[in-house]
N, C-alpha and C. Protein backbone atom coordinates (compact mmCIF):
# COMPACT_ATOMS: atom_id res chain seq x y z
N MET A 1 73.43 139.33 98.13
CA MET A 1 75.07 138.74 98.74
C MET A 1 76.11 138.54 97.98
N ARG A 2 77.34 138.45 98.35
CA ARG A 2 78.48 138.34 97.82
C ARG A 2 79.01 137.22 98.44
N ARG A 3 79.66 135.94 98.00
CA ARG A 3 80.41 134.94 98.97
C ARG A 3 81.35 134.58 97.62
N GLU A 4 82.49 134.59 98.49
CA GLU A 4 83.83 134.12 97.60
C GLU A 4 84.69 133.12 98.35
N SER A 5 85.44 132.26 97.78
CA SER A 5 86.46 131.35 98.11
C SER A 5 87.36 131.43 97.21
N CYS A 6 88.71 131.53 97.72
CA CYS A 6 89.89 131.73 97.08
C CYS A 6 90.64 130.46 97.33
N GLY A 7 91.53 129.84 96.52
CA GLY A 7 92.63 129.07 96.54
C GLY A 7 93.79 129.18 95.87
N LEU A 8 94.93 128.82 96.63
CA LEU A 8 96.29 128.73 95.74
C LEU A 8 96.40 127.37 95.62
N GLY A 9 97.32 127.26 94.23
CA GLY A 9 97.59 126.12 93.60
C GLY A 9 98.89 126.14 92.63
N TYR A 10 99.75 125.02 92.66
CA TYR A 10 100.89 125.19 91.66
C TYR A 10 100.44 124.45 90.46
N ASP A 11 100.87 125.29 89.23
CA ASP A 11 100.75 124.34 88.05
C ASP A 11 102.07 123.94 87.77
N ALA A 12 102.23 122.62 88.03
CA ALA A 12 103.71 122.00 87.61
C ALA A 12 103.96 121.89 86.01
N PHE A 13 102.77 121.98 84.86
CA PHE A 13 103.46 122.18 83.94
C PHE A 13 103.55 123.35 83.26
N THR A 14 103.14 124.37 83.72
CA THR A 14 103.65 125.71 83.41
C THR A 14 104.77 126.25 84.54
N ASN A 15 104.88 125.75 85.63
CA ASN A 15 105.72 126.21 86.52
C ASN A 15 105.45 127.52 87.25
N THR A 16 104.13 127.55 87.34
CA THR A 16 103.68 128.72 88.13
C THR A 16 102.64 128.77 89.17
N TRP A 17 102.53 129.23 90.10
CA TRP A 17 101.25 129.43 91.32
C TRP A 17 99.95 130.17 90.60
N LYS A 18 99.10 129.60 90.92
CA LYS A 18 97.69 130.43 90.75
C LYS A 18 96.65 130.46 91.64
N MET A 19 96.42 131.66 91.82
CA MET A 19 94.98 131.83 92.77
C MET A 19 93.78 131.91 91.66
N VAL A 20 92.80 130.96 92.48
CA VAL A 20 91.84 130.89 92.16
C VAL A 20 90.88 131.43 93.03
N CYS A 21 89.71 132.02 92.18
CA CYS A 21 88.71 132.75 93.02
C CYS A 21 87.28 132.40 92.47
N VAL A 22 86.21 131.92 93.46
CA VAL A 22 85.05 131.36 92.70
C VAL A 22 83.96 132.33 93.46
N LEU A 23 83.30 133.32 93.13
CA LEU A 23 82.39 134.21 93.42
C LEU A 23 81.12 133.98 93.29
N LEU A 24 80.10 134.10 94.13
CA LEU A 24 78.71 134.30 93.93
C LEU A 24 78.17 135.60 94.10
N LYS A 25 77.84 136.21 93.37
CA LYS A 25 77.51 137.73 93.23
C LYS A 25 76.12 138.04 93.68
N GLU A 26 75.54 137.25 93.60
CA GLU A 26 73.89 137.44 94.29
C GLU A 26 73.15 135.70 94.66
N TYR A 27 72.56 135.75 95.71
CA TYR A 27 71.77 134.45 96.04
C TYR A 27 70.76 134.42 95.03
N SER A 28 70.49 133.12 94.73
CA SER A 28 69.30 132.97 93.65
C SER A 28 68.04 132.24 94.34
N PRO A 29 67.02 132.28 94.10
CA PRO A 29 66.09 131.15 94.87
C PRO A 29 66.52 129.68 94.89
N PRO A 30 66.38 128.83 95.96
CA PRO A 30 66.55 127.56 95.67
C PRO A 30 66.27 127.01 94.74
N ASN A 31 64.90 127.17 94.69
CA ASN A 31 64.31 126.35 93.26
C ASN A 31 64.54 126.50 91.77
N LYS A 32 65.69 127.45 91.90
CA LYS A 32 66.20 127.93 90.49
C LYS A 32 67.74 127.71 90.28
N PRO A 33 67.94 126.45 90.30
CA PRO A 33 69.46 126.31 90.45
C PRO A 33 70.28 126.77 89.20
N ASP A 34 69.56 127.08 87.99
CA ASP A 34 70.26 127.64 86.58
C ASP A 34 70.47 129.30 87.29
N MET A 35 69.77 129.69 87.67
CA MET A 35 69.97 131.14 88.04
C MET A 35 71.36 131.47 89.13
N VAL A 36 71.49 130.18 90.10
CA VAL A 36 72.79 130.47 90.85
C VAL A 36 73.89 130.13 89.84
N LYS A 37 73.90 129.20 89.07
CA LYS A 37 74.79 128.95 88.38
C LYS A 37 75.21 130.26 87.31
N LYS A 38 74.59 130.90 86.67
CA LYS A 38 74.71 131.89 86.00
C LYS A 38 75.37 133.08 86.74
N ASN A 39 75.03 133.52 88.12
CA ASN A 39 75.43 134.04 89.22
C ASN A 39 76.95 133.82 89.49
N LEU A 40 77.35 132.74 88.97
CA LEU A 40 79.14 132.17 89.51
C LEU A 40 79.77 133.13 88.75
N CYS A 41 80.94 133.38 89.30
CA CYS A 41 81.96 133.47 88.42
C CYS A 41 83.19 132.91 88.85
N THR A 42 84.24 132.62 88.07
CA THR A 42 85.79 132.34 88.22
C THR A 42 86.69 133.19 87.88
N MET A 43 87.46 133.30 88.83
CA MET A 43 88.72 134.36 88.42
C MET A 43 89.96 133.65 88.77
N VAL A 44 90.97 133.99 88.00
CA VAL A 44 92.05 133.53 87.94
C VAL A 44 93.46 134.15 87.91
N HIS A 45 94.40 134.38 88.54
CA HIS A 45 95.58 135.25 88.70
C HIS A 45 96.77 134.24 88.71
N VAL A 46 97.44 134.63 87.51
CA VAL A 46 98.80 133.73 87.29
C VAL A 46 99.71 134.60 88.42
N PHE A 47 100.52 134.13 89.34
CA PHE A 47 101.60 134.58 89.94
C PHE A 47 102.61 135.09 88.99
N GLY A 48 103.05 136.43 89.14
CA GLY A 48 104.27 137.03 88.07
C GLY A 48 103.17 138.07 86.63
N THR A 49 101.80 137.79 87.14
CA THR A 49 101.18 138.65 86.05
C THR A 49 100.29 139.51 86.46
N ASN A 50 99.90 140.86 85.95
CA ASN A 50 99.54 141.83 86.79
C ASN A 50 98.02 142.32 86.77
N SER A 51 97.31 140.88 86.55
CA SER A 51 95.68 141.00 86.41
C SER A 51 95.17 139.79 86.70
N TRP A 52 93.90 139.74 86.56
CA TRP A 52 93.12 138.42 87.23
C TRP A 52 92.57 138.37 85.57
N ARG A 53 91.91 137.37 85.38
CA ARG A 53 91.14 136.85 83.97
C ARG A 53 89.91 136.37 84.35
N GLU A 54 88.66 136.04 83.93
CA GLU A 54 87.61 135.49 83.98
C GLU A 54 87.76 134.14 83.18
N ILE A 55 87.31 132.91 83.60
CA ILE A 55 87.25 131.62 82.93
C ILE A 55 85.78 131.37 82.34
N PRO A 56 85.31 130.57 81.29
CA PRO A 56 84.00 130.42 81.36
C PRO A 56 83.68 129.12 82.21
N LYS A 57 84.39 128.55 83.06
CA LYS A 57 83.81 127.25 83.42
C LYS A 57 83.40 128.14 84.94
N VAL A 58 82.82 127.36 85.66
CA VAL A 58 82.24 127.75 86.75
C VAL A 58 81.79 126.23 87.50
N PRO A 59 81.95 126.22 88.89
CA PRO A 59 81.89 124.62 89.52
C PRO A 59 80.14 124.42 89.41
N SER A 60 79.73 123.45 89.97
CA SER A 60 78.02 122.84 89.64
C SER A 60 77.47 123.52 91.14
N TYR A 61 78.09 124.14 92.12
CA TYR A 61 77.58 124.42 93.17
C TYR A 61 78.29 125.58 93.74
N PRO A 62 77.72 126.58 94.22
CA PRO A 62 78.50 127.72 95.09
C PRO A 62 79.68 127.16 95.94
N VAL A 63 80.94 127.60 96.05
CA VAL A 63 81.89 127.10 97.09
C VAL A 63 82.11 128.45 98.03
N THR A 64 82.42 127.71 99.13
CA THR A 64 82.78 128.66 100.57
C THR A 64 83.67 127.73 101.17
N GLY A 65 84.29 128.59 102.24
CA GLY A 65 85.26 127.85 103.01
C GLY A 65 86.92 127.45 102.96
N LYS A 66 87.39 126.39 103.63
CA LYS A 66 88.60 126.27 103.57
C LYS A 66 88.79 125.35 101.97
N THR A 67 89.96 125.83 101.40
CA THR A 67 90.36 125.13 100.12
C THR A 67 91.52 123.95 100.57
N VAL A 68 91.70 122.97 100.05
CA VAL A 68 92.71 121.99 100.14
C VAL A 68 93.17 122.09 98.73
N PHE A 69 94.62 121.73 98.62
CA PHE A 69 95.38 121.66 97.36
C PHE A 69 95.75 120.42 97.31
N ALA A 70 96.01 119.60 96.46
CA ALA A 70 96.35 118.46 96.36
C ALA A 70 96.53 117.64 94.97
N ASN A 71 97.11 117.13 94.27
CA ASN A 71 97.46 116.40 93.34
C ASN A 71 96.81 117.04 92.01
N GLY A 72 97.57 118.69 92.34
CA GLY A 72 97.06 119.27 91.28
C GLY A 72 95.97 120.15 90.99
N CYS A 73 95.17 119.73 92.11
CA CYS A 73 93.58 120.35 92.25
C CYS A 73 93.48 121.01 93.26
N LEU A 74 92.38 122.16 93.25
CA LEU A 74 92.26 122.76 94.58
C LEU A 74 90.84 121.88 94.77
N HIS A 75 90.43 121.59 96.09
CA HIS A 75 89.15 121.13 96.54
C HIS A 75 88.43 121.51 97.60
N TRP A 76 87.10 121.51 97.31
CA TRP A 76 86.28 122.23 98.37
C TRP A 76 85.07 121.17 98.47
N LEU A 77 84.67 121.50 100.04
CA LEU A 77 83.83 120.40 100.54
C LEU A 77 82.47 121.30 100.57
N VAL A 78 81.40 121.27 99.66
CA VAL A 78 80.20 122.09 99.62
C VAL A 78 78.90 120.83 99.83
N SER A 79 78.32 122.11 100.01
CA SER A 79 76.78 121.59 100.68
C SER A 79 75.68 121.96 99.63
N HIS A 80 74.94 121.07 99.14
CA HIS A 80 73.85 121.82 98.54
C HIS A 80 72.80 121.54 98.99
N SER A 81 72.39 121.56 100.10
CA SER A 81 70.92 121.37 100.99
C SER A 81 70.00 122.42 100.43
N ASP A 82 70.70 123.62 99.98
CA ASP A 82 69.68 124.42 99.43
C ASP A 82 69.17 124.25 98.29
N ILE A 83 69.74 123.26 97.36
CA ILE A 83 69.36 123.26 96.20
C ILE A 83 68.67 121.74 96.13
N LYS A 84 69.33 120.67 96.66
CA LYS A 84 68.92 119.27 96.80
C LYS A 84 68.56 119.09 98.19
N THR A 85 67.43 117.97 97.89
CA THR A 85 66.80 117.83 99.49
C THR A 85 67.49 116.96 100.25
N ASP A 86 68.43 116.18 99.77
CA ASP A 86 69.21 114.97 100.47
C ASP A 86 70.12 116.06 101.36
N GLY A 87 70.40 117.01 101.14
CA GLY A 87 71.03 117.64 102.53
C GLY A 87 72.52 117.17 102.09
N GLY A 88 72.89 116.52 101.68
CA GLY A 88 74.12 116.02 101.64
C GLY A 88 75.61 116.97 101.28
N ARG A 89 76.58 116.67 101.04
CA ARG A 89 77.84 117.20 100.75
C ARG A 89 78.58 116.46 99.64
N GLU A 90 79.69 117.10 98.84
CA GLU A 90 80.20 116.77 97.56
C GLU A 90 81.38 117.60 97.84
N VAL A 91 82.41 116.98 97.20
CA VAL A 91 83.91 117.50 96.89
C VAL A 91 83.62 118.06 95.50
N ILE A 92 84.19 119.22 95.09
CA ILE A 92 84.46 120.20 94.18
C ILE A 92 85.60 120.13 93.89
N TRP A 93 86.31 119.87 92.62
CA TRP A 93 87.81 119.97 92.54
C TRP A 93 87.91 121.06 91.42
N PHE A 94 89.11 121.71 91.40
CA PHE A 94 89.46 122.60 90.25
C PHE A 94 91.14 122.02 89.54
N ASP A 95 91.11 121.48 88.45
CA ASP A 95 92.31 121.24 87.96
C ASP A 95 93.33 122.63 87.40
N VAL A 96 94.29 123.06 88.54
CA VAL A 96 95.23 124.10 88.12
C VAL A 96 95.76 124.30 86.84
N ASN A 97 95.48 123.23 86.13
CA ASN A 97 96.52 123.14 84.86
C ASN A 97 95.31 123.36 83.90
N LYS A 98 94.53 122.50 83.75
CA LYS A 98 93.27 122.49 82.83
C LYS A 98 92.38 123.53 82.92
N GLU A 99 92.18 124.20 84.41
CA GLU A 99 91.30 125.10 84.29
C GLU A 99 89.91 124.79 84.16
N GLU A 100 89.73 123.40 84.84
CA GLU A 100 88.10 122.74 84.63
C GLU A 100 87.59 122.28 86.15
N PHE A 101 86.73 122.18 86.41
CA PHE A 101 86.13 121.91 87.54
C PHE A 101 85.39 120.44 87.43
N GLY A 102 85.21 119.76 88.51
CA GLY A 102 84.78 118.48 88.44
C GLY A 102 84.21 118.14 89.75
N LEU A 103 83.61 117.04 89.94
CA LEU A 103 82.77 116.85 91.48
C LEU A 103 83.11 115.28 91.90
N ILE A 104 83.07 115.02 92.80
CA ILE A 104 83.77 113.68 93.74
C ILE A 104 82.29 113.55 94.58
N ASP A 105 81.60 112.54 94.53
CA ASP A 105 80.49 111.83 95.08
C ASP A 105 80.97 111.26 96.38
N PRO A 106 80.50 111.85 97.52
CA PRO A 106 80.85 111.28 98.78
C PRO A 106 80.88 110.00 98.87
N PRO A 107 81.62 109.07 99.92
CA PRO A 107 81.79 107.75 99.95
C PRO A 107 80.38 107.66 100.81
N LYS A 108 79.90 106.10 100.61
CA LYS A 108 78.76 106.09 100.83
C LYS A 108 78.84 106.07 102.65
N ARG A 109 79.95 106.10 103.13
CA ARG A 109 79.97 106.32 104.75
C ARG A 109 79.89 107.42 105.05
N MET A 110 80.56 108.18 104.54
CA MET A 110 80.45 109.83 104.53
C MET A 110 78.94 110.11 104.81
N CYS A 111 77.99 109.50 103.72
CA CYS A 111 76.69 109.94 103.56
C CYS A 111 75.70 109.47 104.90
N ASP A 112 76.15 108.40 105.34
CA ASP A 112 75.50 107.51 106.77
C ASP A 112 75.84 108.35 107.72
N LEU A 113 77.37 108.90 107.89
CA LEU A 113 77.24 109.73 108.95
C LEU A 113 76.38 110.74 109.06
N TRP A 114 76.30 111.59 107.68
CA TRP A 114 75.67 112.44 108.08
C TRP A 114 74.24 112.47 108.21
N ARG A 115 73.51 111.40 108.00
CA ARG A 115 72.10 110.98 108.39
C ARG A 115 72.15 110.32 109.88
N LYS A 116 72.84 109.82 110.65
CA LYS A 116 73.08 109.78 111.76
C LYS A 116 73.35 110.37 113.04
N TYR A 117 74.08 111.61 112.21
CA TYR A 117 74.34 112.63 113.39
C TYR A 117 73.72 114.09 112.95
N SER A 118 73.13 114.84 113.58
CA SER A 118 72.27 115.87 113.22
C SER A 118 73.34 116.89 113.36
N CYS A 119 73.96 116.85 114.51
CA CYS A 119 74.94 117.70 114.87
C CYS A 119 76.51 117.25 114.39
N TYR A 120 77.00 118.11 113.50
CA TYR A 120 78.41 117.82 113.21
C TYR A 120 79.46 118.90 112.93
N TYR A 121 80.64 118.65 112.68
CA TYR A 121 81.65 119.57 112.09
C TYR A 121 82.53 118.60 111.40
N ASP A 122 82.59 119.10 109.92
CA ASP A 122 83.69 118.67 108.86
C ASP A 122 84.33 119.54 108.10
N GLN A 123 85.32 119.01 107.65
CA GLN A 123 85.84 119.57 106.39
C GLN A 123 87.15 118.83 105.98
N LEU A 124 87.58 119.31 104.93
CA LEU A 124 88.74 118.65 104.19
C LEU A 124 89.92 119.01 104.78
N VAL A 125 90.82 118.05 104.80
CA VAL A 125 92.45 118.68 104.95
C VAL A 125 93.18 118.31 104.63
N ASP A 126 94.47 118.65 104.49
CA ASP A 126 95.97 118.25 103.71
C ASP A 126 96.42 116.88 104.30
N LEU A 127 96.48 115.90 104.02
CA LEU A 127 97.09 114.76 104.65
C LEU A 127 98.60 114.41 103.98
N ASN A 128 99.95 115.41 103.98
CA ASN A 128 100.73 114.97 103.72
C ASN A 128 100.71 114.93 101.65
N GLY A 129 99.83 115.94 101.48
CA GLY A 129 99.79 116.13 99.95
C GLY A 129 98.48 115.38 99.58
N GLU A 130 97.44 114.68 100.31
CA GLU A 130 96.61 114.12 99.77
C GLU A 130 95.23 114.54 100.53
N VAL A 131 94.27 114.68 99.98
CA VAL A 131 93.04 115.28 100.68
C VAL A 131 92.48 114.16 101.64
N GLY A 132 92.37 114.66 102.73
CA GLY A 132 91.41 113.71 103.70
C GLY A 132 90.08 114.42 104.06
N TYR A 133 89.32 113.84 104.78
CA TYR A 133 88.12 114.18 105.27
C TYR A 133 87.81 113.59 106.90
N VAL A 134 87.48 114.94 107.59
CA VAL A 134 87.37 114.94 109.07
C VAL A 134 86.02 114.96 109.35
N CYS A 135 85.54 114.21 110.26
CA CYS A 135 83.94 114.44 110.55
C CYS A 135 83.72 114.29 112.07
N SER A 136 83.55 114.98 113.06
CA SER A 136 83.51 115.01 114.43
C SER A 136 82.27 115.69 114.58
N ARG A 137 81.68 114.71 116.07
CA ARG A 137 80.53 115.79 116.72
C ARG A 137 80.58 116.69 117.66
């Protein structure tokens, strides 16, 4: 199975736009997260060039879905229920200038909502240049 998610971000330090795609080329067994990581690939395209390049850094978890760009970073809301048993979600960010990933643990309130409601819809949104989180039933 091949899954991918792409996002567009502006690098203010180099005055360039970058397209970043994270690809999961194959699905690995949930009990072997190291195999999942090995199958992830991050590709970057700088607008104005004619090529994509692979960077060595990959996110902690596969990313899919909508990307929000804010404060120089792309953000994805990710679920790791297939890897961890708590079924939670986290935010993975990608710094467009430094080309590195990081992880934001969700606020406790978000975790409480996930546990309280069995059926919900949630997503990251752009709130005038800031990242917002929307959760509804």
